[in-house]
Amino acid sequence: MRRLPVSAVPFLVVSLLAVPLLAATGCSGESPAGATPSTSATYDPATPPAVTPAAPSTPSPSLTFACVPTAGMDDAQRLHYLKNLKHDDRPLDGALSLTDSGIRITPDRQRRSCEPVPVKVSHFRVFTTRFQGEPEPRTTPTPRFTLPPLPGAAPTTPRFRYSFAYEAISTVDVVVGPEEGLATGSRPPATQKCAGTLSVAHVGQEITEADLPQELDFTSDTRFGTAWTTVELSAERVLDAVFLPPDNPGLC
């Protein structure tokens, strides 16, 4: 019998040993008989895994306020808006007022304008003359009053009346809002020794002398600083008016 080469014997032994192993595992890679197949977790596509929904986030509070568009308003609409605009802290008071410092507006935050609102301010000089008898023609006296004494001085007894005449100074255009504050350029002119000022905030047509009051209150004592009084005018287009009497009407 022909002998196999020595080098081929180990290869033949290995090949013969591999046959039972292939038979045990199968050529198709199936598990051997009697073996338990491994399992893995799967989900039915029709029933996806439950997901806990995230808690709804709380919206952050808004820092903005509503506003009223005023750019397209005519004079009548703008006048109605400003007359009915209320004070932010005092709902019973109007938001717009005119004092010796000018026009101040403190609008309700929910009703403030979206943009600055145009307003006019008309200034008049009030030339004043003191008298004790009958007034001169074409002048109007105010009610009598007693000038309060200075501290430590004896009470004064004279009772004065005043005649006065108006003279137009100027009419200026200013804007108010949308934020709280004074309207630039709305401050009344300075008074003089015997001439006060009357300033009127209004919308629309100019203020004439016929719109001005026939009586004014001169009882404010200006020796201790600037004094002023609110004036009522009958003209519908008026928003507010303020009278600053002369520096010392008792010497006029």
C-alpha atoms as a PDB file:
ATOM      1  CA  MET A   1       0.000   0.000   0.000  1.00  0.00           C
ATOM      2  CA  ARG A   2       1.178   3.506  -0.908  1.00  0.00           C
ATOM      3  CA  ARG A   3       2.066   5.615   2.120  1.00  0.00           C
ATOM      4  CA  LEU A   4       0.757   9.218   2.414  1.00  0.00           C
ATOM      5  CA  PRO A   5       3.164  11.987   2.862  1.00  0.00           C
ATOM      6  CA  VAL A   6       3.838  12.778   6.481  1.00  0.00           C
ATOM      7  CA  SER A   7       2.923  16.454   5.995  1.00  0.00           C
ATOM      8  CA  ALA A   8      -0.620  15.562   4.852  1.00  0.00           C
ATOM      9  CA  VAL A   9      -1.520  13.560   7.968  1.00  0.00           C
ATOM     10  CA  PRO A  10      -2.237  16.500  10.314  1.00  0.00           C
ATOM     11  CA  PHE A  11      -4.436  18.213   7.688  1.00  0.00           C
ATOM     12  CA  LEU A  12      -6.465  15.024   7.202  1.00  0.00           C
ATOM     13  CA  VAL A  13      -6.920  14.606  10.943  1.00  0.00           C
ATOM     14  CA  VAL A  14      -8.129  18.195  11.324  1.00  0.00           C
ATOM     15  CA  SER A  15     -10.557  17.827   8.409  1.00  0.00           C
ATOM     16  CA  LEU A  16     -12.021  14.607   9.819  1.00  0.00           C
ATOM     17  CA  LEU A  17     -12.479  16.245  13.232  1.00  0.00           C
ATOM     18  CA  ALA A  18     -14.309  19.234  11.655  1.00  0.00           C
ATOM     19  CA  VAL A  19     -16.990  17.046  10.025  1.00  0.00           C
ATOM     20  CA  PRO A  20     -18.858  16.189  13.281  1.00  0.00           C
ATOM     21  CA  LEU A  21     -18.703  19.862  14.283  1.00  0.00           C
ATOM     22  CA  LEU A  22     -20.351  20.992  11.028  1.00  0.00           C
ATOM     23  CA  ALA A  23     -22.947  18.292  11.357  1.00  0.00           C
ATOM     24  CA  ALA A  24     -23.751  19.465  14.880  1.00  0.00           C
ATOM     25  CA  THR A  25     -24.164  23.117  13.950  1.00  0.00           C
ATOM     26  CA  GLY A  26     -25.751  22.641  10.518  1.00  0.00           C
ATOM     27  CA  CYS A  27     -24.723  24.319   7.340  1.00  0.00           C
ATOM     28  CA  SER A  28     -27.546  26.848   7.458  1.00  0.00           C
ATOM     29  CA  GLY A  29     -26.488  28.219  10.866  1.00  0.00           C
ATOM     30  CA  GLU A  30     -29.602  26.818  12.676  1.00  0.00           C
ATOM     31  CA  SER A  31     -29.391  25.952  16.329  1.00  0.00           C
ATOM     32  CA  PRO A  32     -28.602  22.358  17.086  1.00  0.00           C
ATOM     33  CA  ALA A  33     -31.483  20.047  17.932  1.00  0.00           C
ATOM     34  CA  GLY A  34     -32.635  20.366  21.514  1.00  0.00           C
ATOM     35  CA  ALA A  35     -30.962  23.765  21.973  1.00  0.00           C
ATOM     36  CA  THR A  36     -33.096  26.654  23.289  1.00  0.00           C
ATOM     37  CA  PRO A  37     -32.995  29.662  20.903  1.00  0.00           C
ATOM     38  CA  SER A  38     -32.066  33.005  22.383  1.00  0.00           C
ATOM     39  CA  THR A  39     -34.791  35.707  22.648  1.00  0.00           C
ATOM     40  CA  SER A  40     -34.685  39.534  22.395  1.00  0.00           C
ATOM     41  CA  ALA A  41     -37.252  42.219  23.392  1.00  0.00           C
ATOM     42  CA  THR A  42     -39.262  43.541  20.443  1.00  0.00           C
ATOM     43  CA  TYR A  43     -42.296  45.930  20.114  1.00  0.00           C
ATOM     44  CA  ASP A  44     -45.307  45.487  17.909  1.00  0.00           C
ATOM     45  CA  PRO A  45     -45.321  48.420  15.434  1.00  0.00           C
ATOM     46  CA  ALA A  46     -49.041  48.889  16.134  1.00  0.00           C
ATOM     47  CA  THR A  47     -48.420  49.439  19.850  1.00  0.00           C
ATOM     48  CA  PRO A  48     -45.347  51.670  20.320  1.00  0.00           C
ATOM     49  CA  PRO A  49     -43.865  51.966  23.809  1.00  0.00           C
ATOM     50  CA  ALA A  50     -45.649  54.395  26.085  1.00  0.00           C
ATOM     51  CA  VAL A  51     -43.908  57.760  26.472  1.00  0.00           C
ATOM     52  CA  THR A  52     -44.615  59.966  29.474  1.00  0.00           C
ATOM     53  CA  PRO A  53     -45.582  63.409  28.136  1.00  0.00           C
ATOM     54  CA  ALA A  54     -43.546  66.347  29.388  1.00  0.00           C
ATOM     55  CA  ALA A  55     -45.279  68.680  31.793  1.00  0.00           C
ATOM     56  CA  PRO A  56     -46.565  71.785  29.990  1.00  0.00           C
ATOM     57  CA  SER A  57     -44.297  74.755  30.498  1.00  0.00           C
ATOM     58  CA  THR A  58     -45.743  77.805  32.261  1.00  0.00           C
ATOM     59  CA  PRO A  59     -45.654  80.823  29.924  1.00  0.00           C
ATOM     60  CA  SER A  60     -43.570  83.677  31.201  1.00  0.00           C
ATOM     61  CA  PRO A  61     -45.564  86.787  32.150  1.00  0.00           C
ATOM     62  CA  SER A  62     -45.729  89.384  29.408  1.00  0.00           C
ATOM     63  CA  LEU A  63     -43.860  92.632  30.024  1.00  0.00           C
ATOM     64  CA  THR A  64     -45.801  94.562  27.390  1.00  0.00           C
ATOM     65  CA  PHE A  65     -49.151  96.306  27.630  1.00  0.00           C
ATOM     66  CA  ALA A  66     -51.947  96.929  25.211  1.00  0.00           C
ATOM     67  CA  CYS A  67     -52.048 100.308  23.496  1.00  0.00           C
ATOM     68  CA  VAL A  68     -54.505 102.402  21.508  1.00  0.00           C
ATOM     69  CA  PRO A  69     -53.496 103.346  17.928  1.00  0.00           C
ATOM     70  CA  THR A  70     -53.955 107.109  17.574  1.00  0.00           C
ATOM     71  CA  ALA A  71     -51.994 107.937  14.417  1.00  0.00           C
ATOM     72  CA  GLY A  72     -55.104 107.822  12.195  1.00  0.00           C
ATOM     73  CA  MET A  73     -57.401 109.780  14.521  1.00  0.00           C
ATOM     74  CA  ASP A  74     -58.878 113.113  13.467  1.00  0.00           C
ATOM     75  CA  ASP A  75     -59.215 116.061  15.871  1.00  0.00           C
ATOM     76  CA  ALA A  76     -62.584 114.940  17.248  1.00  0.00           C
ATOM     77  CA  GLN A  77     -61.409 111.373  17.869  1.00  0.00           C
ATOM     78  CA  ARG A  78     -58.147 112.520  19.446  1.00  0.00           C
ATOM     79  CA  LEU A  79     -60.003 114.961  21.691  1.00  0.00           C
ATOM     80  CA  HIS A  80     -62.425 112.240  22.815  1.00  0.00           C
ATOM     81  CA  TYR A  81     -59.555 109.829  23.505  1.00  0.00           C
ATOM     82  CA  LEU A  82     -57.560 112.315  25.619  1.00  0.00           C
ATOM     83  CA  LYS A  83     -60.600 113.546  27.553  1.00  0.00           C
ATOM     84  CA  ASN A  84     -61.565 109.992  28.507  1.00  0.00           C
ATOM     85  CA  LEU A  85     -58.058 108.718  29.224  1.00  0.00           C
ATOM     86  CA  LYS A  86     -57.762 108.023  32.952  1.00  0.00           C
ATOM     87  CA  HIS A  87     -54.905 108.375  35.405  1.00  0.00           C
ATOM     88  CA  ASP A  88     -52.858 105.215  35.901  1.00  0.00           C
ATOM     89  CA  ASP A  89     -53.040 105.299  39.717  1.00  0.00           C
ATOM     90  CA  ARG A  90     -56.275 107.274  40.210  1.00  0.00           C
ATOM     91  CA  PRO A  91     -58.993 105.876  37.911  1.00  0.00           C
ATOM     92  CA  LEU A  92     -61.409 108.696  38.771  1.00  0.00           C
ATOM     93  CA  ASP A  93     -58.997 111.400  37.565  1.00  0.00           C
ATOM     94  CA  GLY A  94     -58.061 112.312  34.023  1.00  0.00           C
ATOM     95  CA  ALA A  95     -54.628 111.354  32.758  1.00  0.00           C
ATOM     96  CA  LEU A  96     -53.797 114.799  31.333  1.00  0.00           C
ATOM     97  CA  SER A  97     -53.355 117.980  33.375  1.00  0.00           C
ATOM     98  CA  LEU A  98     -51.788 121.407  32.839  1.00  0.00           C
ATOM     99  CA  THR A  99     -49.900 123.090  35.690  1.00  0.00           C
ATOM    100  CA  ASP A 100     -47.191 125.727  36.060  1.00  0.00           C
ATOM    101  CA  SER A 101     -44.706 123.050  34.881  1.00  0.00           C
ATOM    102  CA  GLY A 102     -46.571 122.275  31.652  1.00  0.00           C
ATOM    103  CA  ILE A 103     -48.679 119.372  30.426  1.00  0.00           C
ATOM    104  CA  ARG A 104     -48.248 116.155  32.370  1.00  0.00           C
ATOM    105  CA  ILE A 105     -49.787 112.867  31.292  1.00  0.00           C
ATOM    106  CA  THR A 106     -50.052 109.729  33.434  1.00  0.00           C
ATOM    107  CA  PRO A 107     -51.993 107.283  31.236  1.00  0.00           C
ATOM    108  CA  ASP A 108     -53.745 104.100  32.226  1.00  0.00           C
ATOM    109  CA  ARG A 109     -51.315 101.344  31.174  1.00  0.00           C
ATOM    110  CA  GLN A 110     -54.053  99.444  29.346  1.00  0.00           C
ATOM    111  CA  ARG A 111     -55.257 102.516  27.432  1.00  0.00           C
ATOM    112  CA  ARG A 112     -52.046 104.385  26.663  1.00  0.00           C
ATOM    113  CA  SER A 113     -51.459 105.470  23.078  1.00  0.00           C
ATOM    114  CA  CYS A 114     -49.224 103.479  20.749  1.00  0.00           C
ATOM    115  CA  GLU A 115     -47.459 106.677  19.655  1.00  0.00           C
ATOM    116  CA  PRO A 116     -47.139 110.337  20.768  1.00  0.00           C
ATOM    117  CA  VAL A 117     -50.399 112.303  20.489  1.00  0.00           C
ATOM    118  CA  PRO A 118     -50.333 115.901  19.096  1.00  0.00           C
ATOM    119  CA  VAL A 119     -51.721 118.630  21.364  1.00  0.00           C
ATOM    120  CA  LYS A 120     -51.681 122.446  21.156  1.00  0.00           C
ATOM    121  CA  VAL A 121     -50.945 124.903  23.963  1.00  0.00           C
ATOM    122  CA  SER A 122     -52.018 128.549  23.621  1.00  0.00           C
ATOM    123  CA  HIS A 123     -50.442 131.132  25.935  1.00  0.00           C
ATOM    124  CA  PHE A 124     -51.923 134.547  26.810  1.00  0.00           C
ATOM    125  CA  ARG A 125     -50.534 137.439  28.815  1.00  0.00           C
ATOM    126  CA  VAL A 126     -52.887 138.757  31.512  1.00  0.00           C
ATOM    127  CA  PHE A 127     -52.158 142.446  32.170  1.00  0.00           C
ATOM    128  CA  THR A 128     -53.473 143.311  35.620  1.00  0.00           C
ATOM    129  CA  THR A 129     -54.471 146.562  37.360  1.00  0.00           C
ATOM    130  CA  ARG A 130     -55.526 146.870  40.982  1.00  0.00           C
ATOM    131  CA  PHE A 131     -58.367 149.237  41.876  1.00  0.00           C
ATOM    132  CA  GLN A 132     -60.761 150.036  44.712  1.00  0.00           C
ATOM    133  CA  GLY A 133     -63.401 152.010  42.856  1.00  0.00           C
ATOM    134  CA  GLU A 134     -65.277 151.287  39.684  1.00  0.00           C
ATOM    135  CA  PRO A 135     -63.295 149.436  37.000  1.00  0.00           C
ATOM    136  CA  GLU A 136     -62.150 151.121  33.832  1.00  0.00           C
ATOM    137  CA  PRO A 137     -64.246 150.520  30.689  1.00  0.00           C
ATOM    138  CA  ARG A 138     -63.844 147.168  28.908  1.00  0.00           C
ATOM    139  CA  THR A 139     -62.232 145.482  31.906  1.00  0.00           C
ATOM    140  CA  THR A 140     -63.614 142.846  34.214  1.00  0.00           C
ATOM    141  CA  PRO A 141     -63.082 142.804  37.986  1.00  0.00           C
ATOM    142  CA  THR A 142     -62.660 139.632  39.971  1.00  0.00           C
ATOM    143  CA  PRO A 143     -64.350 139.024  43.342  1.00  0.00           C
ATOM    144  CA  ARG A 144     -62.919 140.906  46.323  1.00  0.00           C
ATOM    145  CA  PHE A 145     -60.427 139.168  48.580  1.00  0.00           C
ATOM    146  CA  THR A 146     -58.124 139.901  51.520  1.00  0.00           C
ATOM    147  CA  LEU A 147     -54.409 139.520  50.922  1.00  0.00           C
ATOM    148  CA  PRO A 148     -53.023 137.185  53.619  1.00  0.00           C
ATOM    149  CA  PRO A 149     -50.366 138.811  55.852  1.00  0.00           C
ATOM    150  CA  LEU A 150     -46.736 137.780  56.030  1.00  0.00           C
ATOM    151  CA  PRO A 151     -45.734 135.724  59.108  1.00  0.00           C
ATOM    152  CA  GLY A 152     -45.528 138.001  62.148  1.00  0.00           C
ATOM    153  CA  ALA A 153     -47.106 140.971  60.358  1.00  0.00           C
ATOM    154  CA  ALA A 154     -50.343 142.628  61.388  1.00  0.00           C
ATOM    155  CA  PRO A 155     -53.434 141.558  59.427  1.00  0.00           C
ATOM    156  CA  THR A 156     -54.055 143.625  56.326  1.00  0.00           C
ATOM    157  CA  THR A 157     -57.377 145.331  55.845  1.00  0.00           C
ATOM    158  CA  PRO A 158     -57.445 146.603  52.230  1.00  0.00           C
ATOM    159  CA  ARG A 159     -59.729 144.668  49.921  1.00  0.00           C
ATOM    160  CA  PHE A 160     -58.641 144.829  46.307  1.00  0.00           C
ATOM    161  CA  ARG A 161     -60.215 144.110  42.977  1.00  0.00           C
ATOM    162  CA  TYR A 162     -58.439 143.759  39.671  1.00  0.00           C
ATOM    163  CA  SER A 163     -59.165 144.585  36.100  1.00  0.00           C
ATOM    164  CA  PHE A 164     -57.267 142.694  33.442  1.00  0.00           C
ATOM    165  CA  ALA A 165     -56.838 142.402  29.707  1.00  0.00           C
ATOM    166  CA  TYR A 166     -55.622 139.476  27.565  1.00  0.00           C
ATOM    167  CA  GLU A 167     -52.938 139.536  24.918  1.00  0.00           C
ATOM    168  CA  ALA A 168     -52.002 136.483  22.846  1.00  0.00           C
ATOM    169  CA  ILE A 169     -48.391 135.326  23.211  1.00  0.00           C
ATOM    170  CA  SER A 170     -48.088 132.153  21.133  1.00  0.00           C
ATOM    171  CA  THR A 171     -49.545 128.768  20.261  1.00  0.00           C
ATOM    172  CA  VAL A 172     -47.164 125.815  20.264  1.00  0.00           C
ATOM    173  CA  ASP A 173     -47.539 122.236  19.049  1.00  0.00           C
ATOM    174  CA  VAL A 174     -46.412 119.534  21.486  1.00  0.00           C
ATOM    175  CA  VAL A 175     -46.927 115.788  21.883  1.00  0.00           C
ATOM    176  CA  VAL A 176     -48.043 113.791  24.910  1.00  0.00           C
ATOM    177  CA  GLY A 177     -47.417 110.119  25.674  1.00  0.00           C
ATOM    178  CA  PRO A 178     -47.235 107.313  25.145  1.00  0.00           C
ATOM    179  CA  GLU A 179     -45.265 107.118  28.385  1.00  0.00           C
ATOM    180  CA  GLU A 180     -45.828 109.112  31.559  1.00  0.00           C
ATOM    181  CA  GLY A 181     -44.156 112.503  31.789  1.00  0.00           C
ATOM    182  CA  LEU A 182     -44.120 116.190  30.930  1.00  0.00           C
ATOM    183  CA  ALA A 183     -44.672 117.347  27.355  1.00  0.00           C
ATOM    184  CA  THR A 184     -41.572 119.139  26.115  1.00  0.00           C
ATOM    185  CA  GLY A 185     -42.232 122.786  25.264  1.00  0.00           C
ATOM    186  CA  SER A 186     -45.564 123.043  27.116  1.00  0.00           C
ATOM    187  CA  ARG A 187     -44.407 125.068  30.141  1.00  0.00           C
ATOM    188  CA  PRO A 188     -46.262 128.400  30.561  1.00  0.00           C
ATOM    189  CA  PRO A 189     -44.239 131.593  30.049  1.00  0.00           C
ATOM    190  CA  ALA A 190     -42.845 133.373  33.095  1.00  0.00           C
ATOM    191  CA  THR A 191     -45.040 135.922  34.828  1.00  0.00           C
ATOM    192  CA  GLN A 192     -44.166 139.582  35.322  1.00  0.00           C
ATOM    193  CA  LYS A 193     -44.731 142.118  38.088  1.00  0.00           C
ATOM    194  CA  CYS A 194     -48.218 143.078  36.882  1.00  0.00           C
ATOM    195  CA  ALA A 195     -48.829 140.505  34.158  1.00  0.00           C
ATOM    196  CA  GLY A 196     -49.751 136.897  34.696  1.00  0.00           C
ATOM    197  CA  THR A 197     -50.208 134.159  32.090  1.00  0.00           C
ATOM    198  CA  LEU A 198     -53.132 131.985  31.061  1.00  0.00           C
ATOM    199  CA  SER A 199     -52.247 128.772  29.197  1.00  0.00           C
ATOM    200  CA  VAL A 200     -54.747 126.477  27.497  1.00  0.00           C
ATOM    201  CA  ALA A 201     -54.162 122.900  26.303  1.00  0.00           C
ATOM    202  CA  HIS A 202     -56.493 122.027  23.454  1.00  0.00           C
ATOM    203  CA  VAL A 203     -57.055 120.043  20.249  1.00  0.00           C
ATOM    204  CA  GLY A 204     -58.216 121.474  16.938  1.00  0.00           C
ATOM    205  CA  GLN A 205     -59.009 125.120  16.233  1.00  0.00           C
ATOM    206  CA  GLU A 206     -57.074 127.948  17.847  1.00  0.00           C
ATOM    207  CA  ILE A 207     -58.195 129.439  21.164  1.00  0.00           C
ATOM    208  CA  THR A 208     -59.396 133.018  20.832  1.00  0.00           C
ATOM    209  CA  GLU A 209     -59.968 135.719  23.425  1.00  0.00           C
ATOM    210  CA  ALA A 210     -63.683 135.001  23.203  1.00  0.00           C
ATOM    211  CA  ASP A 211     -62.995 131.522  24.657  1.00  0.00           C
ATOM    212  CA  LEU A 212     -61.204 132.907  27.738  1.00  0.00           C
ATOM    213  CA  PRO A 213     -62.898 133.426  31.123  1.00  0.00           C
ATOM    214  CA  GLN A 214     -64.302 136.785  32.124  1.00  0.00           C
ATOM    215  CA  GLU A 215     -63.188 136.284  35.737  1.00  0.00           C
ATOM    216  CA  LEU A 216     -59.945 134.997  37.227  1.00  0.00           C
ATOM    217  CA  ASP A 217     -58.915 134.088  40.754  1.00  0.00           C
ATOM    218  CA  PHE A 218     -56.126 136.359  42.041  1.00  0.00           C
ATOM    219  CA  THR A 219     -56.258 135.082  45.622  1.00  0.00           C
ATOM    220  CA  SER A 220     -53.101 132.981  45.345  1.00  0.00           C
ATOM    221  CA  ASP A 221     -50.299 134.567  47.361  1.00  0.00           C
ATOM    222  CA  THR A 222     -47.203 134.387  45.165  1.00  0.00           C
ATOM    223  CA  ARG A 223     -44.822 135.885  47.744  1.00  0.00           C
ATOM    224  CA  PHE A 224     -43.888 132.389  48.909  1.00  0.00           C
ATOM    225  CA  GLY A 225     -43.264 130.937  45.472  1.00  0.00           C
ATOM    226  CA  THR A 226     -45.069 130.273  42.218  1.00  0.00           C
ATOM    227  CA  ALA A 227     -48.813 129.836  42.587  1.00  0.00           C
ATOM    228  CA  TRP A 228     -51.341 128.730  39.984  1.00  0.00           C
ATOM    229  CA  THR A 229     -55.001 127.899  39.684  1.00  0.00           C
ATOM    230  CA  THR A 230     -56.892 125.629  37.302  1.00  0.00           C
ATOM    231  CA  VAL A 231     -59.264 127.522  35.024  1.00  0.00           C
ATOM    232  CA  GLU A 232     -62.512 126.219  33.556  1.00  0.00           C
ATOM    233  CA  LEU A 233     -63.245 127.125  29.928  1.00  0.00           C
ATOM    234  CA  SER A 234     -66.519 126.406  28.179  1.00  0.00           C
ATOM    235  CA  ALA A 235     -64.989 125.573  24.790  1.00  0.00           C
ATOM    236  CA  GLU A 236     -65.392 121.857  24.034  1.00  0.00           C
ATOM    237  CA  ARG A 237     -61.951 121.539  22.423  1.00  0.00           C
ATOM    238  CA  VAL A 238     -60.169 122.532  25.669  1.00  0.00           C
ATOM    239  CA  LEU A 239     -58.377 119.801  27.624  1.00  0.00           C
ATOM    240  CA  ASP A 240     -57.161 121.903  30.559  1.00  0.00           C
ATOM    241  CA  ALA A 241     -56.121 125.473  31.406  1.00  0.00           C
ATOM    242  CA  VAL A 242     -53.982 127.106  34.095  1.00  0.00           C
ATOM    243  CA  PHE A 243     -53.671 130.697  35.319  1.00  0.00           C
ATOM    244  CA  LEU A 244     -50.473 132.036  36.853  1.00  0.00           C
ATOM    245  CA  PRO A 245     -51.202 135.416  38.505  1.00  0.00           C
ATOM    246  CA  PRO A 246     -48.710 138.293  38.462  1.00  0.00           C
ATOM    247  CA  ASP A 247     -45.735 138.127  40.782  1.00  0.00           C
ATOM    248  CA  ASN A 248     -47.400 140.458  43.288  1.00  0.00           C
ATOM    249  CA  PRO A 249     -50.802 141.744  42.133  1.00  0.00           C
ATOM    250  CA  GLY A 250     -51.260 143.783  45.316  1.00  0.00           C
ATOM    251  CA  LEU A 251     -48.635 146.239  44.060  1.00  0.00           C
ATOM    252  CA  CYS A 252     -50.121 146.675  40.598  1.00  0.00           C
END
